[in-house]
């Protein structure tokens, strides 16, 4: 079944901008997930300040790596973005609950926008679903 909304093919500039943006997002998420799983000292200290145990942080790191894997696989990238949005929403909720400064609170939100911007710039099907007018 074809969608009645048609979008123009993705330009090479948009495609590569989306790929680069997505790659930077993935590198950051992989770094974050791996440091949680490896129990890096600075990460564990920050986790303790947030009230998380070592076991919880390792689980959160594994969850992040799984969500990131879904984001990286082209056929499941939209599902990955949805899962990462939930993950980042939880991070935002924790920051709000603790009353942390504005940048720390908004960082996961900004990062969520970057997750979706990377896909939006490189996927014409998503552009058809979310048409922006000029």
N, C-alpha and C. Protein backbone atom coordinates (compact mmCIF):
# COMPACT_ATOMS: atom_id res chain seq x y z
N UNK A 1 0.84 -1.17 0.00
CA UNK A 1 0.00 0.00 0.00
C UNK A 1 0.89 1.24 0.00
N UNK A 2 0.71 2.09 -0.95
CA UNK A 2 1.51 3.30 -1.10
C UNK A 2 0.94 4.42 -0.25
N UNK A 3 1.83 5.23 0.27
CA UNK A 3 1.42 6.41 1.01
C UNK A 3 1.01 7.49 0.02
N UNK A 4 -0.02 8.26 0.38
CA UNK A 4 -0.45 9.33 -0.51
C UNK A 4 0.50 10.52 -0.45
N UNK A 5 1.32 10.56 0.58
CA UNK A 5 2.30 11.63 0.72
C UNK A 5 3.59 11.21 0.05
N UNK A 6 4.04 11.99 -0.88
CA UNK A 6 5.28 11.71 -1.59
C UNK A 6 6.34 12.70 -1.12
N UNK A 7 7.57 12.23 -1.05
CA UNK A 7 8.66 13.12 -0.70
C UNK A 7 9.72 13.03 -1.78
N UNK A 8 10.47 14.09 -1.91
CA UNK A 8 11.55 14.11 -2.88
C UNK A 8 12.66 13.19 -2.40
N UNK A 9 13.41 12.60 -3.32
CA UNK A 9 14.53 11.76 -2.89
C UNK A 9 15.51 12.58 -2.06
N UNK A 10 16.20 11.88 -1.17
CA UNK A 10 17.17 12.53 -0.30
C UNK A 10 18.37 12.99 -1.14
N UNK A 11 18.75 14.25 -0.98
CA UNK A 11 19.92 14.75 -1.71
C UNK A 11 21.19 14.14 -1.12
N UNK A 12 22.26 14.17 -1.90
CA UNK A 12 23.52 13.63 -1.40
C UNK A 12 24.00 14.39 -0.17
N UNK A 13 23.78 15.69 -0.15
CA UNK A 13 24.20 16.49 1.00
C UNK A 13 23.43 16.08 2.25
N UNK A 14 22.11 15.94 2.12
CA UNK A 14 21.31 15.52 3.28
C UNK A 14 21.68 14.11 3.72
N UNK A 15 21.87 13.24 2.75
CA UNK A 15 22.23 11.86 3.06
C UNK A 15 23.52 11.79 3.87
N UNK A 16 24.55 12.48 3.40
CA UNK A 16 25.84 12.44 4.09
C UNK A 16 25.83 13.20 5.41
N UNK A 17 25.06 14.28 5.46
CA UNK A 17 24.93 15.00 6.74
C UNK A 17 24.25 14.09 7.77
N UNK A 18 23.20 13.40 7.34
CA UNK A 18 22.52 12.46 8.23
C UNK A 18 23.41 11.32 8.67
N UNK A 19 24.19 10.79 7.73
CA UNK A 19 25.11 9.70 8.08
C UNK A 19 26.17 10.15 9.09
N UNK A 20 26.74 11.32 8.85
CA UNK A 20 27.78 11.83 9.77
C UNK A 20 27.18 12.12 11.14
N UNK A 21 26.02 12.75 11.15
CA UNK A 21 25.35 13.06 12.42
C UNK A 21 25.02 11.76 13.17
N UNK A 22 24.48 10.79 12.47
CA UNK A 22 24.16 9.50 13.10
C UNK A 22 25.42 8.80 13.59
N UNK A 23 26.49 8.87 12.81
CA UNK A 23 27.75 8.24 13.24
C UNK A 23 28.28 8.87 14.52
N UNK A 24 28.22 10.19 14.62
CA UNK A 24 28.68 10.87 15.84
C UNK A 24 27.82 10.48 17.04
N UNK A 25 26.51 10.41 16.82
CA UNK A 25 25.59 9.99 17.89
C UNK A 25 25.94 8.57 18.34
N UNK A 26 26.13 7.67 17.37
CA UNK A 26 26.44 6.27 17.69
C UNK A 26 27.75 6.16 18.44
N UNK A 27 28.77 6.90 18.01
CA UNK A 27 30.07 6.84 18.71
C UNK A 27 29.92 7.27 20.16
N UNK A 28 29.16 8.34 20.41
CA UNK A 28 28.96 8.80 21.78
C UNK A 28 28.20 7.74 22.59
N UNK A 29 27.13 7.19 22.01
CA UNK A 29 26.33 6.19 22.72
C UNK A 29 27.12 4.92 23.01
N UNK A 30 27.93 4.49 22.04
CA UNK A 30 28.78 3.32 22.27
C UNK A 30 29.78 3.58 23.40
N UNK A 31 30.39 4.74 23.37
CA UNK A 31 31.34 5.11 24.43
C UNK A 31 30.63 5.10 25.79
N UNK A 32 29.46 5.70 25.85
CA UNK A 32 28.71 5.77 27.10
C UNK A 32 28.32 4.37 27.58
N UNK A 33 27.80 3.55 26.68
CA UNK A 33 27.39 2.20 27.05
C UNK A 33 28.55 1.33 27.49
N UNK A 34 29.65 1.38 26.75
CA UNK A 34 30.82 0.55 27.06
C UNK A 34 31.43 0.96 28.40
N UNK A 35 31.52 2.26 28.67
CA UNK A 35 32.10 2.69 29.95
C UNK A 35 31.22 2.26 31.13
N UNK A 36 29.92 2.17 30.91
CA UNK A 36 29.03 1.68 31.97
C UNK A 36 29.25 0.18 32.19
N UNK A 37 29.32 -0.58 31.11
CA UNK A 37 29.51 -2.03 31.22
C UNK A 37 30.88 -2.36 31.81
N UNK A 38 31.90 -1.58 31.44
CA UNK A 38 33.26 -1.82 31.94
C UNK A 38 33.48 -1.28 33.35
N UNK A 39 32.47 -0.60 33.89
CA UNK A 39 32.52 -0.04 35.24
C UNK A 39 33.68 0.94 35.41
N UNK A 40 33.81 1.84 34.46
CA UNK A 40 34.86 2.86 34.52
C UNK A 40 34.65 3.72 35.77
N UNK A 41 35.74 4.06 36.45
CA UNK A 41 35.67 4.71 37.77
C UNK A 41 34.87 6.01 37.76
N UNK A 42 35.10 6.88 36.78
CA UNK A 42 34.39 8.16 36.72
C UNK A 42 32.88 7.94 36.51
N UNK A 43 32.55 6.96 35.70
CA UNK A 43 31.14 6.65 35.44
C UNK A 43 30.49 6.11 36.71
N UNK A 44 31.19 5.26 37.43
CA UNK A 44 30.64 4.69 38.66
C UNK A 44 30.46 5.78 39.73
N UNK A 45 31.38 6.73 39.78
CA UNK A 45 31.25 7.83 40.74
C UNK A 45 30.03 8.70 40.39
N UNK A 46 29.85 9.00 39.12
CA UNK A 46 28.69 9.79 38.69
C UNK A 46 27.40 9.02 38.94
N UNK A 47 27.43 7.71 38.71
CA UNK A 47 26.24 6.88 38.94
C UNK A 47 25.87 6.86 40.42
N UNK A 48 26.87 6.80 41.27
CA UNK A 48 26.61 6.81 42.71
C UNK A 48 25.96 8.13 43.14
N UNK A 49 26.40 9.24 42.53
CA UNK A 49 25.79 10.54 42.84
C UNK A 49 24.32 10.58 42.41
N UNK A 50 24.00 9.83 41.36
CA UNK A 50 22.62 9.78 40.88
C UNK A 50 21.78 8.75 41.65
N UNK A 51 22.46 7.97 42.50
CA UNK A 51 21.75 6.99 43.32
C UNK A 51 21.65 5.60 42.71
N UNK A 52 22.49 5.28 41.74
CA UNK A 52 22.46 3.97 41.09
C UNK A 52 23.56 3.07 41.63
N UNK A 53 23.25 1.78 41.73
CA UNK A 53 24.25 0.80 42.15
C UNK A 53 25.06 0.37 40.93
N UNK A 54 26.16 -0.31 41.18
CA UNK A 54 27.01 -0.81 40.09
C UNK A 54 26.21 -1.77 39.21
N UNK A 55 25.45 -2.65 39.82
CA UNK A 55 24.65 -3.62 39.07
C UNK A 55 23.65 -2.91 38.15
N UNK A 56 23.00 -1.88 38.67
CA UNK A 56 22.02 -1.13 37.86
C UNK A 56 22.69 -0.44 36.69
N UNK A 57 23.85 0.14 36.92
CA UNK A 57 24.55 0.87 35.85
C UNK A 57 25.00 -0.09 34.76
N UNK A 58 25.47 -1.25 35.11
CA UNK A 58 25.87 -2.24 34.10
C UNK A 58 24.64 -2.63 33.26
N UNK A 59 23.52 -2.85 33.91
CA UNK A 59 22.28 -3.16 33.19
C UNK A 59 21.86 -2.03 32.27
N UNK A 60 21.98 -0.80 32.74
CA UNK A 60 21.64 0.36 31.93
C UNK A 60 22.59 0.45 30.73
N UNK A 61 23.87 0.16 30.95
CA UNK A 61 24.84 0.17 29.85
C UNK A 61 24.52 -0.88 28.79
N UNK A 62 24.12 -2.07 29.22
CA UNK A 62 23.74 -3.12 28.27
C UNK A 62 22.50 -2.70 27.49
N UNK A 63 21.52 -2.15 28.20
CA UNK A 63 20.31 -1.65 27.54
C UNK A 63 20.65 -0.59 26.50
N UNK A 64 21.53 0.33 26.84
CA UNK A 64 21.93 1.37 25.90
C UNK A 64 22.61 0.77 24.67
N UNK A 65 23.47 -0.21 24.86
CA UNK A 65 24.15 -0.84 23.73
C UNK A 65 23.16 -1.58 22.83
N UNK A 66 22.16 -2.22 23.40
CA UNK A 66 21.15 -2.92 22.61
C UNK A 66 20.32 -1.91 21.80
N UNK A 67 19.89 -0.84 22.44
CA UNK A 67 19.12 0.20 21.74
C UNK A 67 19.95 0.82 20.61
N UNK A 68 21.23 1.04 20.87
CA UNK A 68 22.12 1.60 19.86
C UNK A 68 22.30 0.64 18.70
N UNK A 69 22.38 -0.66 18.98
CA UNK A 69 22.50 -1.65 17.92
C UNK A 69 21.27 -1.61 17.01
N UNK A 70 20.09 -1.49 17.59
CA UNK A 70 18.88 -1.35 16.77
C UNK A 70 18.95 -0.09 15.90
N UNK A 71 19.48 0.99 16.44
CA UNK A 71 19.61 2.26 15.71
C UNK A 71 20.59 2.13 14.54
N UNK A 72 21.63 1.35 14.70
CA UNK A 72 22.67 1.22 13.68
C UNK A 72 22.19 0.37 12.50
N UNK A 73 21.38 -0.64 12.76
CA UNK A 73 20.92 -1.54 11.70
C UNK A 73 19.87 -0.80 10.86
N UNK A 74 20.12 -0.62 9.56
CA UNK A 74 19.19 0.17 8.74
C UNK A 74 17.73 -0.27 8.82
N UNK A 75 17.45 -1.56 8.82
CA UNK A 75 16.05 -2.03 8.84
C UNK A 75 15.36 -1.75 10.17
N UNK A 76 16.12 -1.56 11.24
CA UNK A 76 15.53 -1.33 12.56
C UNK A 76 15.89 0.04 13.13
N UNK A 77 16.39 0.95 12.29
CA UNK A 77 16.86 2.25 12.80
C UNK A 77 15.74 3.08 13.42
N UNK A 78 14.54 3.02 12.85
CA UNK A 78 13.43 3.78 13.43
C UNK A 78 13.07 3.22 14.81
N UNK A 79 13.00 1.89 14.92
CA UNK A 79 12.76 1.26 16.22
C UNK A 79 13.86 1.66 17.20
N UNK A 80 15.11 1.66 16.75
CA UNK A 80 16.22 2.07 17.60
C UNK A 80 16.06 3.51 18.07
N UNK A 81 15.63 4.39 17.18
CA UNK A 81 15.41 5.79 17.56
C UNK A 81 14.30 5.90 18.59
N UNK A 82 13.25 5.12 18.43
CA UNK A 82 12.15 5.12 19.40
C UNK A 82 12.65 4.63 20.76
N UNK A 83 13.42 3.54 20.76
CA UNK A 83 13.96 3.01 22.02
C UNK A 83 14.92 4.00 22.67
N UNK A 84 15.77 4.64 21.87
CA UNK A 84 16.70 5.64 22.41
C UNK A 84 15.96 6.86 22.95
N UNK A 85 14.84 7.20 22.33
CA UNK A 85 14.03 8.31 22.83
C UNK A 85 13.51 7.99 24.23
N UNK A 86 13.06 6.76 24.42
CA UNK A 86 12.62 6.34 25.75
C UNK A 86 13.76 6.36 26.76
N UNK A 87 14.91 5.85 26.34
CA UNK A 87 16.09 5.84 27.20
C UNK A 87 16.47 7.27 27.61
N UNK A 88 16.52 8.15 26.64
CA UNK A 88 16.90 9.54 26.91
C UNK A 88 15.83 10.27 27.72
N UNK A 89 14.57 9.88 27.54
CA UNK A 89 13.50 10.44 28.36
C UNK A 89 13.69 10.09 29.83
N UNK A 90 14.12 8.85 30.07
CA UNK A 90 14.42 8.45 31.45
C UNK A 90 15.58 9.24 32.03
N UNK A 91 16.59 9.48 31.20
CA UNK A 91 17.74 10.27 31.66
C UNK A 91 17.31 11.70 32.00
N UNK A 92 16.41 12.25 31.18
CA UNK A 92 15.91 13.60 31.44
C UNK A 92 15.11 13.61 32.75
N UNK A 93 14.28 12.61 32.95
CA UNK A 93 13.46 12.54 34.17
C UNK A 93 14.33 12.48 35.42
N UNK A 94 15.42 11.73 35.35
CA UNK A 94 16.33 11.64 36.49
C UNK A 94 16.95 13.00 36.79
N UNK A 95 17.37 13.70 35.75
CA UNK A 95 17.99 15.02 35.94
C UNK A 95 16.99 16.01 36.54
N UNK A 96 15.75 15.97 36.05
CA UNK A 96 14.72 16.85 36.59
C UNK A 96 14.45 16.51 38.06
N UNK A 97 14.32 15.22 38.36
CA UNK A 97 14.03 14.77 39.72
C UNK A 97 15.11 15.23 40.70
N UNK A 98 16.36 15.19 40.26
CA UNK A 98 17.46 15.59 41.13
C UNK A 98 17.68 17.10 41.18
N UNK A 99 16.97 17.84 40.32
CA UNK A 99 17.11 19.29 40.31
C UNK A 99 18.45 19.76 39.78
N UNK A 100 19.01 19.01 38.85
CA UNK A 100 20.32 19.36 38.29
C UNK A 100 20.21 20.58 37.39
N UNK A 101 21.36 21.20 37.08
CA UNK A 101 21.36 22.42 36.26
C UNK A 101 20.71 22.20 34.89
N UNK A 102 20.31 23.29 34.27
CA UNK A 102 19.56 23.26 33.02
C UNK A 102 20.27 22.49 31.92
N UNK A 103 21.57 22.71 31.72
CA UNK A 103 22.27 22.01 30.64
C UNK A 103 22.26 20.50 30.86
N UNK A 104 22.51 20.07 32.08
CA UNK A 104 22.50 18.63 32.37
C UNK A 104 21.11 18.04 32.15
N UNK A 105 20.09 18.83 32.42
CA UNK A 105 18.72 18.38 32.23
C UNK A 105 18.35 18.32 30.75
N UNK A 106 18.78 19.31 29.99
CA UNK A 106 18.41 19.38 28.57
C UNK A 106 19.32 18.56 27.66
N UNK A 107 20.49 18.14 28.13
CA UNK A 107 21.41 17.38 27.28
C UNK A 107 20.77 16.14 26.67
N UNK A 108 20.06 15.31 27.45
CA UNK A 108 19.42 14.15 26.82
C UNK A 108 18.36 14.53 25.79
N UNK A 109 17.67 15.65 26.02
CA UNK A 109 16.66 16.11 25.06
C UNK A 109 17.34 16.52 23.76
N UNK A 110 18.40 17.29 23.87
CA UNK A 110 19.16 17.73 22.69
C UNK A 110 19.70 16.51 21.95
N UNK A 111 20.19 15.55 22.69
CA UNK A 111 20.73 14.34 22.08
C UNK A 111 19.65 13.55 21.36
N UNK A 112 18.45 13.51 21.94
CA UNK A 112 17.32 12.86 21.28
C UNK A 112 16.98 13.52 19.96
N UNK A 113 17.04 14.83 19.92
CA UNK A 113 16.81 15.56 18.67
C UNK A 113 17.86 15.16 17.63
N UNK A 114 19.11 15.02 18.06
CA UNK A 114 20.18 14.62 17.13
C UNK A 114 19.97 13.20 16.62
N UNK A 115 19.47 12.31 17.48
CA UNK A 115 19.17 10.93 17.06
C UNK A 115 18.18 10.96 15.90
N UNK A 116 17.10 11.72 16.08
CA UNK A 116 16.05 11.78 15.05
C UNK A 116 16.50 12.58 13.83
N UNK A 117 17.28 13.63 14.03
CA UNK A 117 17.74 14.44 12.90
C UNK A 117 18.60 13.60 11.96
N UNK A 118 19.44 12.73 12.51
CA UNK A 118 20.28 11.88 11.68
C UNK A 118 19.46 10.99 10.77
N UNK A 119 18.40 10.40 11.30
CA UNK A 119 17.54 9.54 10.48
C UNK A 119 16.72 10.39 9.50
N UNK A 120 16.18 11.49 9.97
CA UNK A 120 15.34 12.34 9.13
C UNK A 120 16.10 12.81 7.88
N UNK A 121 17.36 13.16 8.07
CA UNK A 121 18.15 13.66 6.94
C UNK A 121 18.50 12.58 5.93
N UNK A 122 18.49 11.32 6.32
CA UNK A 122 18.90 10.26 5.40
C UNK A 122 17.80 9.31 4.98
N UNK A 123 16.59 9.46 5.50
CA UNK A 123 15.51 8.50 5.21
C UNK A 123 14.31 9.21 4.58
N UNK A 124 14.08 8.95 3.29
CA UNK A 124 12.97 9.62 2.60
C UNK A 124 11.61 9.12 3.08
N UNK A 125 11.52 7.90 3.58
CA UNK A 125 10.24 7.39 4.11
C UNK A 125 9.84 8.15 5.38
N UNK A 126 10.80 8.45 6.23
CA UNK A 126 10.51 9.23 7.43
C UNK A 126 10.12 10.65 7.04
N UNK A 127 10.78 11.20 6.04
CA UNK A 127 10.43 12.53 5.56
C UNK A 127 9.00 12.57 5.05
N UNK A 128 8.54 11.49 4.44
CA UNK A 128 7.17 11.43 3.95
C UNK A 128 6.18 11.42 5.12
N UNK A 129 6.56 10.78 6.22
CA UNK A 129 5.69 10.72 7.39
C UNK A 129 5.66 12.03 8.16
N UNK A 130 6.77 12.76 8.13
CA UNK A 130 6.90 14.02 8.88
C UNK A 130 7.27 15.11 7.88
N UNK A 131 6.30 15.54 7.08
CA UNK A 131 6.65 16.54 6.06
C UNK A 131 6.85 17.92 6.68
N UNK A 132 7.94 18.54 6.37
CA UNK A 132 8.20 19.91 6.80
C UNK A 132 7.98 20.81 5.58
N UNK A 133 7.36 21.93 5.81
CA UNK A 133 7.07 22.85 4.70
C UNK A 133 8.13 23.91 4.62
N UNK A 134 8.35 24.35 3.40
CA UNK A 134 9.37 25.40 3.19
C UNK A 134 8.73 26.75 3.19
